[in-house]
């Protein structure tokens, strides 16, 4: 009787181990699928959301306009996934252009102002000039101009997948920024005075490209910047507008 009981117990133990191994294998398999899906999400986002919107626009974009995967694009995607998992706080505007030295300037003449973009149904979104917390507001990047002064007022804002957009959530304010085209209106209210700007240029750049932060003093400009494609930190979508003359 004891011998028969030992064999039964041994069989049960082996079955339990096989079940555990199957569960571990399934977990590893699913984890692999999730990692691959996460890495290639930018391509899918580009094809689903951006390719149709950009098809009729003259936009300079280093993101592939098709789903062809090259060695360089795979490397870029893997680097993007590594950066997003590295613990870097992308709610802090200082971290958006890693090759640019953040310039802390003196106290600005206003601590905040608002912008509205009628085409995107953005109304009086707060732009802070004194903090870099993109979870609480849009950010006028320190060291750049303020409207309506001559120069380039660079404004950062978060975006996300369109289905996750929330009207009053600053983590999603610039989700539909890619829909802007030349001639669209951007309205600023600074110190209770309204200034109107018209979009002149829309481009997509790499995070290493800091030329969009440069100042030109021939006129007053606003540059809106967000991450693209939606839901990633792969590239930067840049919308530049010039002030309308009264």
C-alpha atoms as a PDB file:
ATOM      1  CA  UNK A   1       0.000   0.000   0.000  1.00  0.00           C
ATOM      2  CA  UNK A   2       2.816   2.402   0.879  1.00  0.00           C
ATOM      3  CA  UNK A   3       4.562   1.702  -2.418  1.00  0.00           C
ATOM      4  CA  UNK A   4       1.416   2.386  -4.458  1.00  0.00           C
ATOM      5  CA  UNK A   5       0.803   5.630  -2.521  1.00  0.00           C
ATOM      6  CA  UNK A   6       4.374   6.816  -3.243  1.00  0.00           C
ATOM      7  CA  UNK A   7       3.950   6.315  -6.990  1.00  0.00           C
ATOM      8  CA  UNK A   8       0.668   8.205  -7.021  1.00  0.00           C
ATOM      9  CA  UNK A   9       2.194  11.081  -5.106  1.00  0.00           C
ATOM     10  CA  UNK A  10       5.180  11.188  -7.489  1.00  0.00           C
ATOM     11  CA  UNK A  11       2.872  11.322 -10.529  1.00  0.00           C
ATOM     12  CA  UNK A  12       0.872  14.162  -9.013  1.00  0.00           C
ATOM     13  CA  UNK A  13       4.071  16.079  -8.285  1.00  0.00           C
ATOM     14  CA  UNK A  14       5.280  15.717 -11.882  1.00  0.00           C
ATOM     15  CA  UNK A  15       1.931  16.911 -13.205  1.00  0.00           C
ATOM     16  CA  UNK A  16       2.110  19.957 -10.962  1.00  0.00           C
ATOM     17  CA  UNK A  17       5.623  20.790 -12.193  1.00  0.00           C
ATOM     18  CA  UNK A  18       4.546  20.435 -15.824  1.00  0.00           C
ATOM     19  CA  UNK A  19       1.644  22.787 -15.182  1.00  0.00           C
ATOM     20  CA  UNK A  20       3.967  25.376 -13.607  1.00  0.00           C
ATOM     21  CA  UNK A  21       6.382  25.108 -16.536  1.00  0.00           C
ATOM     22  CA  UNK A  22       3.528  25.616 -18.991  1.00  0.00           C
ATOM     23  CA  UNK A  23       2.400  28.731 -17.114  1.00  0.00           C
ATOM     24  CA  UNK A  24       5.958  30.104 -17.063  1.00  0.00           C
ATOM     25  CA  UNK A  25       6.347  29.434 -20.805  1.00  0.00           C
ATOM     26  CA  UNK A  26       3.032  31.141 -21.518  1.00  0.00           C
ATOM     27  CA  UNK A  27       4.068  34.133 -19.430  1.00  0.00           C
ATOM     28  CA  UNK A  28       7.392  34.461 -21.270  1.00  0.00           C
ATOM     29  CA  UNK A  29       5.623  34.156 -24.633  1.00  0.00           C
ATOM     30  CA  UNK A  30       3.044  36.823 -23.790  1.00  0.00           C
ATOM     31  CA  UNK A  31       5.762  39.115 -22.401  1.00  0.00           C
ATOM     32  CA  UNK A  32       7.673  38.778 -25.671  1.00  0.00           C
ATOM     33  CA  UNK A  33       4.585  39.692 -27.680  1.00  0.00           C
ATOM     34  CA  UNK A  34       3.948  42.747 -25.491  1.00  0.00           C
ATOM     35  CA  UNK A  35       7.554  43.930 -25.821  1.00  0.00           C
ATOM     36  CA  UNK A  36       7.499  43.582 -29.613  1.00  0.00           C
ATOM     37  CA  UNK A  37       4.118  45.346 -29.804  1.00  0.00           C
ATOM     38  CA  UNK A  38       5.415  48.175 -27.587  1.00  0.00           C
ATOM     39  CA  UNK A  39       8.534  48.661 -29.713  1.00  0.00           C
ATOM     40  CA  UNK A  40       6.621  48.757 -32.997  1.00  0.00           C
ATOM     41  CA  UNK A  41       3.696  50.849 -31.715  1.00  0.00           C
ATOM     42  CA  UNK A  42       5.091  54.003 -33.403  1.00  0.00           C
ATOM     43  CA  UNK A  43       4.810  52.383 -36.836  1.00  0.00           C
ATOM     44  CA  UNK A  44       1.238  51.313 -36.158  1.00  0.00           C
ATOM     45  CA  UNK A  45       0.337  54.738 -34.746  1.00  0.00           C
ATOM     46  CA  UNK A  46       1.869  56.466 -37.737  1.00  0.00           C
ATOM     47  CA  UNK A  47      -0.047  54.320 -40.209  1.00  0.00           C
ATOM     48  CA  UNK A  48      -3.396  54.501 -38.396  1.00  0.00           C
ATOM     49  CA  UNK A  49      -3.519  58.108 -37.222  1.00  0.00           C
ATOM     50  CA  UNK A  50      -0.934  60.207 -39.023  1.00  0.00           C
ATOM     51  CA  UNK A  51      -0.487  58.924 -42.557  1.00  0.00           C
ATOM     52  CA  UNK A  52      -4.055  59.894 -43.604  1.00  0.00           C
ATOM     53  CA  UNK A  53      -3.823  63.315 -41.930  1.00  0.00           C
ATOM     54  CA  UNK A  54      -0.410  64.107 -43.408  1.00  0.00           C
ATOM     55  CA  UNK A  55      -1.108  62.723 -46.884  1.00  0.00           C
ATOM     56  CA  UNK A  56      -2.175  66.105 -48.259  1.00  0.00           C
ATOM     57  CA  UNK A  57       0.217  68.243 -46.225  1.00  0.00           C
ATOM     58  CA  UNK A  58       3.699  69.410 -47.080  1.00  0.00           C
ATOM     59  CA  UNK A  59       5.361  68.092 -43.939  1.00  0.00           C
ATOM     60  CA  UNK A  60       9.024  67.188 -43.610  1.00  0.00           C
ATOM     61  CA  UNK A  61       8.969  64.004 -41.559  1.00  0.00           C
ATOM     62  CA  UNK A  62      11.762  61.529 -40.671  1.00  0.00           C
ATOM     63  CA  UNK A  63       9.113  58.921 -39.764  1.00  0.00           C
ATOM     64  CA  UNK A  64       8.500  56.360 -42.542  1.00  0.00           C
ATOM     65  CA  UNK A  65       5.317  57.044 -44.519  1.00  0.00           C
ATOM     66  CA  UNK A  66       4.785  53.318 -44.945  1.00  0.00           C
ATOM     67  CA  UNK A  67       5.253  50.239 -42.782  1.00  0.00           C
ATOM     68  CA  UNK A  68       8.575  49.173 -44.316  1.00  0.00           C
ATOM     69  CA  UNK A  69      10.961  48.280 -41.477  1.00  0.00           C
ATOM     70  CA  UNK A  70      14.633  49.073 -42.053  1.00  0.00           C
ATOM     71  CA  UNK A  71      17.654  48.398 -39.857  1.00  0.00           C
ATOM     72  CA  UNK A  72      17.943  52.087 -38.916  1.00  0.00           C
ATOM     73  CA  UNK A  73      14.261  52.413 -38.050  1.00  0.00           C
ATOM     74  CA  UNK A  74      14.383  49.262 -35.893  1.00  0.00           C
ATOM     75  CA  UNK A  75      17.399  50.671 -34.032  1.00  0.00           C
ATOM     76  CA  UNK A  76      15.572  53.974 -33.524  1.00  0.00           C
ATOM     77  CA  UNK A  77      12.478  52.198 -32.236  1.00  0.00           C
ATOM     78  CA  UNK A  78      14.485  50.095 -29.777  1.00  0.00           C
ATOM     79  CA  UNK A  79      16.265  53.213 -28.496  1.00  0.00           C
ATOM     80  CA  UNK A  80      12.886  54.914 -28.094  1.00  0.00           C
ATOM     81  CA  UNK A  81      11.513  51.972 -26.097  1.00  0.00           C
ATOM     82  CA  UNK A  82      14.652  51.923 -23.926  1.00  0.00           C
ATOM     83  CA  UNK A  83      14.369  55.649 -23.216  1.00  0.00           C
ATOM     84  CA  UNK A  84      10.698  55.407 -22.284  1.00  0.00           C
ATOM     85  CA  UNK A  85      11.468  52.600 -19.826  1.00  0.00           C
ATOM     86  CA  UNK A  86      14.586  54.251 -18.390  1.00  0.00           C
ATOM     87  CA  UNK A  87      12.770  56.218 -15.714  1.00  0.00           C
ATOM     88  CA  UNK A  88      13.247  59.587 -17.435  1.00  0.00           C
ATOM     89  CA  UNK A  89      10.425  61.909 -16.409  1.00  0.00           C
ATOM     90  CA  UNK A  90       8.844  63.151 -19.641  1.00  0.00           C
ATOM     91  CA  UNK A  91       6.319  65.173 -17.690  1.00  0.00           C
ATOM     92  CA  UNK A  92       9.240  67.535 -17.097  1.00  0.00           C
ATOM     93  CA  UNK A  93       9.752  69.678 -20.208  1.00  0.00           C
ATOM     94  CA  UNK A  94      13.479  69.897 -19.486  1.00  0.00           C
ATOM     95  CA  UNK A  95      13.876  66.268 -20.626  1.00  0.00           C
ATOM     96  CA  UNK A  96      12.293  66.576 -24.077  1.00  0.00           C
ATOM     97  CA  UNK A  97      15.448  67.619 -25.909  1.00  0.00           C
ATOM     98  CA  UNK A  98      18.291  65.734 -24.163  1.00  0.00           C
ATOM     99  CA  UNK A  99      21.003  67.453 -26.197  1.00  0.00           C
ATOM    100  CA  UNK A 100      19.856  70.958 -25.228  1.00  0.00           C
ATOM    101  CA  UNK A 101      21.081  72.663 -22.074  1.00  0.00           C
ATOM    102  CA  UNK A 102      18.060  73.998 -20.201  1.00  0.00           C
ATOM    103  CA  UNK A 103      18.418  77.744 -19.622  1.00  0.00           C
ATOM    104  CA  UNK A 104      17.037  79.073 -16.378  1.00  0.00           C
ATOM    105  CA  UNK A 105      16.299  82.757 -16.873  1.00  0.00           C
ATOM    106  CA  UNK A 106      15.135  85.485 -14.528  1.00  0.00           C
ATOM    107  CA  UNK A 107      11.537  86.095 -13.537  1.00  0.00           C
ATOM    108  CA  UNK A 108       9.348  86.586 -16.646  1.00  0.00           C
ATOM    109  CA  UNK A 109       6.965  89.517 -16.875  1.00  0.00           C
ATOM    110  CA  UNK A 110       3.969  87.137 -16.514  1.00  0.00           C
ATOM    111  CA  UNK A 111       3.829  83.804 -14.687  1.00  0.00           C
ATOM    112  CA  UNK A 112       1.335  82.365 -17.177  1.00  0.00           C
ATOM    113  CA  UNK A 113      -0.878  83.119 -20.151  1.00  0.00           C
ATOM    114  CA  UNK A 114      -3.412  81.140 -22.182  1.00  0.00           C
ATOM    115  CA  UNK A 115      -3.693  79.835 -25.720  1.00  0.00           C
ATOM    116  CA  UNK A 116      -6.737  78.751 -27.691  1.00  0.00           C
ATOM    117  CA  UNK A 117      -6.828  76.794 -30.958  1.00  0.00           C
ATOM    118  CA  UNK A 118     -10.351  76.934 -32.413  1.00  0.00           C
ATOM    119  CA  UNK A 119      -9.785  74.145 -34.952  1.00  0.00           C
ATOM    120  CA  UNK A 120      -8.803  71.709 -32.174  1.00  0.00           C
ATOM    121  CA  UNK A 121     -11.383  72.974 -29.668  1.00  0.00           C
ATOM    122  CA  UNK A 122      -8.610  74.008 -27.263  1.00  0.00           C
ATOM    123  CA  UNK A 123      -9.914  76.887 -25.132  1.00  0.00           C
ATOM    124  CA  UNK A 124      -7.792  78.965 -22.758  1.00  0.00           C
ATOM    125  CA  UNK A 125      -5.199  76.291 -22.033  1.00  0.00           C
ATOM    126  CA  UNK A 126      -2.797  77.624 -19.392  1.00  0.00           C
ATOM    127  CA  UNK A 127       0.822  78.092 -20.435  1.00  0.00           C
ATOM    128  CA  UNK A 128       3.213  78.416 -17.483  1.00  0.00           C
ATOM    129  CA  UNK A 129       6.384  80.469 -17.750  1.00  0.00           C
ATOM    130  CA  UNK A 130       7.677  79.502 -14.284  1.00  0.00           C
ATOM    131  CA  UNK A 131       7.488  75.698 -14.114  1.00  0.00           C
ATOM    132  CA  UNK A 132       8.168  72.723 -16.399  1.00  0.00           C
ATOM    133  CA  UNK A 133       5.449  70.350 -15.164  1.00  0.00           C
ATOM    134  CA  UNK A 134       3.521  69.218 -18.253  1.00  0.00           C
ATOM    135  CA  UNK A 135       1.004  67.310 -16.135  1.00  0.00           C
ATOM    136  CA  UNK A 136      -0.317  70.599 -14.730  1.00  0.00           C
ATOM    137  CA  UNK A 137      -0.105  72.985 -17.701  1.00  0.00           C
ATOM    138  CA  UNK A 138       1.523  73.693 -21.015  1.00  0.00           C
ATOM    139  CA  UNK A 139       5.054  75.040 -20.686  1.00  0.00           C
ATOM    140  CA  UNK A 140       6.653  78.095 -22.288  1.00  0.00           C
ATOM    141  CA  UNK A 141      10.209  76.807 -22.449  1.00  0.00           C
ATOM    142  CA  UNK A 142      12.634  78.897 -20.425  1.00  0.00           C
ATOM    143  CA  UNK A 143      15.084  80.898 -22.511  1.00  0.00           C
ATOM    144  CA  UNK A 144      12.585  81.405 -25.342  1.00  0.00           C
ATOM    145  CA  UNK A 145      10.450  84.448 -26.036  1.00  0.00           C
ATOM    146  CA  UNK A 146       6.974  85.321 -24.733  1.00  0.00           C
ATOM    147  CA  UNK A 147       4.117  86.497 -26.951  1.00  0.00           C
ATOM    148  CA  UNK A 148       3.849  89.083 -28.421  1.00  0.00           C
ATOM    149  CA  UNK A 149       7.569  89.901 -28.152  1.00  0.00           C
ATOM    150  CA  UNK A 150       9.786  89.411 -31.158  1.00  0.00           C
ATOM    151  CA  UNK A 151      11.431  86.029 -31.020  1.00  0.00           C
ATOM    152  CA  UNK A 152      10.219  82.453 -30.761  1.00  0.00           C
ATOM    153  CA  UNK A 153       7.919  81.414 -27.885  1.00  0.00           C
ATOM    154  CA  UNK A 154       8.330  77.632 -27.655  1.00  0.00           C
ATOM    155  CA  UNK A 155       5.381  75.868 -25.993  1.00  0.00           C
ATOM    156  CA  UNK A 156       5.491  72.202 -24.973  1.00  0.00           C
ATOM    157  CA  UNK A 157       2.432  70.026 -24.400  1.00  0.00           C
ATOM    158  CA  UNK A 158       1.663  66.340 -24.016  1.00  0.00           C
ATOM    159  CA  UNK A 159      -0.239  64.152 -26.472  1.00  0.00           C
ATOM    160  CA  UNK A 160      -1.575  60.598 -26.334  1.00  0.00           C
ATOM    161  CA  UNK A 161      -3.506  58.080 -28.409  1.00  0.00           C
ATOM    162  CA  UNK A 162      -6.628  59.839 -29.739  1.00  0.00           C
ATOM    163  CA  UNK A 163      -8.986  57.402 -27.993  1.00  0.00           C
ATOM    164  CA  UNK A 164      -7.459  58.467 -24.650  1.00  0.00           C
ATOM    165  CA  UNK A 165      -7.916  62.215 -25.220  1.00  0.00           C
ATOM    166  CA  UNK A 166      -9.550  64.157 -22.372  1.00  0.00           C
ATOM    167  CA  UNK A 167     -10.554  67.792 -22.827  1.00  0.00           C
ATOM    168  CA  UNK A 168      -9.371  69.044 -19.415  1.00  0.00           C
ATOM    169  CA  UNK A 169      -6.306  66.806 -19.049  1.00  0.00           C
ATOM    170  CA  UNK A 170      -2.988  68.551 -19.757  1.00  0.00           C
ATOM    171  CA  UNK A 171      -1.394  65.164 -20.413  1.00  0.00           C
ATOM    172  CA  UNK A 172      -3.483  64.987 -23.598  1.00  0.00           C
ATOM    173  CA  UNK A 173      -3.926  68.641 -24.677  1.00  0.00           C
ATOM    174  CA  UNK A 174      -1.876  68.436 -27.905  1.00  0.00           C
ATOM    175  CA  UNK A 175      -3.173  65.023 -29.015  1.00  0.00           C
ATOM    176  CA  UNK A 176      -4.699  66.419 -32.212  1.00  0.00           C
ATOM    177  CA  UNK A 177      -1.965  68.940 -32.963  1.00  0.00           C
ATOM    178  CA  UNK A 178      -1.113  66.971 -36.118  1.00  0.00           C
ATOM    179  CA  UNK A 179      -4.388  68.175 -37.687  1.00  0.00           C
ATOM    180  CA  UNK A 180      -3.188  71.792 -37.904  1.00  0.00           C
ATOM    181  CA  UNK A 181      -2.327  73.150 -41.336  1.00  0.00           C
ATOM    182  CA  UNK A 182      -0.868  76.338 -42.774  1.00  0.00           C
ATOM    183  CA  UNK A 183      -3.226  79.249 -42.115  1.00  0.00           C
ATOM    184  CA  UNK A 184      -4.922  77.816 -39.010  1.00  0.00           C
ATOM    185  CA  UNK A 185      -5.359  80.226 -36.105  1.00  0.00           C
ATOM    186  CA  UNK A 186      -3.731  80.165 -32.667  1.00  0.00           C
ATOM    187  CA  UNK A 187      -4.943  82.755 -30.133  1.00  0.00           C
ATOM    188  CA  UNK A 188      -2.971  83.910 -27.087  1.00  0.00           C
ATOM    189  CA  UNK A 189      -4.155  85.994 -24.161  1.00  0.00           C
ATOM    190  CA  UNK A 190      -1.295  87.664 -22.312  1.00  0.00           C
ATOM    191  CA  UNK A 191      -2.095  90.148 -19.557  1.00  0.00           C
ATOM    192  CA  UNK A 192      -5.715  90.390 -20.774  1.00  0.00           C
ATOM    193  CA  UNK A 193      -4.584  91.338 -24.283  1.00  0.00           C
ATOM    194  CA  UNK A 194      -5.391  89.051 -27.209  1.00  0.00           C
ATOM    195  CA  UNK A 195      -2.873  88.250 -29.955  1.00  0.00           C
ATOM    196  CA  UNK A 196      -3.567  86.104 -33.004  1.00  0.00           C
ATOM    197  CA  UNK A 197      -1.076  83.897 -34.812  1.00  0.00           C
ATOM    198  CA  UNK A 198      -1.311  81.947 -38.091  1.00  0.00           C
ATOM    199  CA  UNK A 199       0.352  78.575 -38.682  1.00  0.00           C
ATOM    200  CA  UNK A 200       3.153  78.784 -41.253  1.00  0.00           C
ATOM    201  CA  UNK A 201       4.973  75.489 -40.943  1.00  0.00           C
ATOM    202  CA  UNK A 202       4.468  71.938 -39.620  1.00  0.00           C
ATOM    203  CA  UNK A 203       7.394  69.514 -39.352  1.00  0.00           C
ATOM    204  CA  UNK A 204       8.424  66.316 -37.574  1.00  0.00           C
ATOM    205  CA  UNK A 205      11.953  66.139 -36.143  1.00  0.00           C
ATOM    206  CA  UNK A 206      14.201  63.928 -34.052  1.00  0.00           C
ATOM    207  CA  UNK A 207      14.647  64.767 -30.329  1.00  0.00           C
ATOM    208  CA  UNK A 208      18.303  65.545 -31.054  1.00  0.00           C
ATOM    209  CA  UNK A 209      17.313  68.400 -33.374  1.00  0.00           C
ATOM    210  CA  UNK A 210      17.260  71.531 -31.231  1.00  0.00           C
ATOM    211  CA  UNK A 211      17.097  74.099 -34.040  1.00  0.00           C
ATOM    212  CA  UNK A 212      13.371  74.647 -33.327  1.00  0.00           C
ATOM    213  CA  UNK A 213      14.353  76.228 -29.998  1.00  0.00           C
ATOM    214  CA  UNK A 214      16.458  78.899 -31.670  1.00  0.00           C
ATOM    215  CA  UNK A 215      15.408  82.546 -31.554  1.00  0.00           C
ATOM    216  CA  UNK A 216      14.767  84.711 -34.611  1.00  0.00           C
ATOM    217  CA  UNK A 217      13.889  88.333 -33.961  1.00  0.00           C
ATOM    218  CA  UNK A 218      12.492  89.506 -37.284  1.00  0.00           C
ATOM    219  CA  UNK A 219       8.942  88.928 -35.960  1.00  0.00           C
ATOM    220  CA  UNK A 220       6.912  87.323 -33.150  1.00  0.00           C
ATOM    221  CA  UNK A 221       6.541  83.547 -33.467  1.00  0.00           C
ATOM    222  CA  UNK A 222       4.914  80.729 -31.497  1.00  0.00           C
ATOM    223  CA  UNK A 223       6.212  77.174 -31.800  1.00  0.00           C
ATOM    224  CA  UNK A 224       4.055  74.347 -30.443  1.00  0.00           C
ATOM    225  CA  UNK A 225       5.831  71.057 -29.742  1.00  0.00           C
ATOM    226  CA  UNK A 226       4.546  67.623 -28.741  1.00  0.00           C
ATOM    227  CA  UNK A 227       5.674  64.002 -29.013  1.00  0.00           C
ATOM    228  CA  UNK A 228       4.730  61.978 -32.089  1.00  0.00           C
ATOM    229  CA  UNK A 229       3.382  59.483 -33.166  1.00  0.00           C
ATOM    230  CA  UNK A 230       0.614  59.499 -30.546  1.00  0.00           C
ATOM    231  CA  UNK A 231       1.346  57.546 -27.398  1.00  0.00           C
ATOM    232  CA  UNK A 232       5.131  57.504 -28.006  1.00  0.00           C
ATOM    233  CA  UNK A 233       8.199  59.660 -27.376  1.00  0.00           C
ATOM    234  CA  UNK A 234       9.840  58.719 -30.681  1.00  0.00           C
ATOM    235  CA  UNK A 235       9.821  62.056 -32.547  1.00  0.00           C
ATOM    236  CA  UNK A 236       8.707  65.669 -32.036  1.00  0.00           C
ATOM    237  CA  UNK A 237       5.849  67.311 -33.932  1.00  0.00           C
ATOM    238  CA  UNK A 238       6.526  71.026 -34.395  1.00  0.00           C
ATOM    239  CA  UNK A 239       3.964  73.659 -35.413  1.00  0.00           C
ATOM    240  CA  UNK A 240       5.269  77.171 -36.028  1.00  0.00           C
ATOM    241  CA  UNK A 241       3.018  80.243 -36.292  1.00  0.00           C
ATOM    242  CA  UNK A 242       3.598  83.956 -36.908  1.00  0.00           C
ATOM    243  CA  UNK A 243       1.735  86.855 -35.286  1.00  0.00           C
ATOM    244  CA  UNK A 244      -0.974  88.572 -37.320  1.00  0.00           C
ATOM    245  CA  UNK A 245      -0.463  92.245 -37.878  1.00  0.00           C
ATOM    246  CA  UNK A 246      -3.216  94.469 -36.496  1.00  0.00           C
END
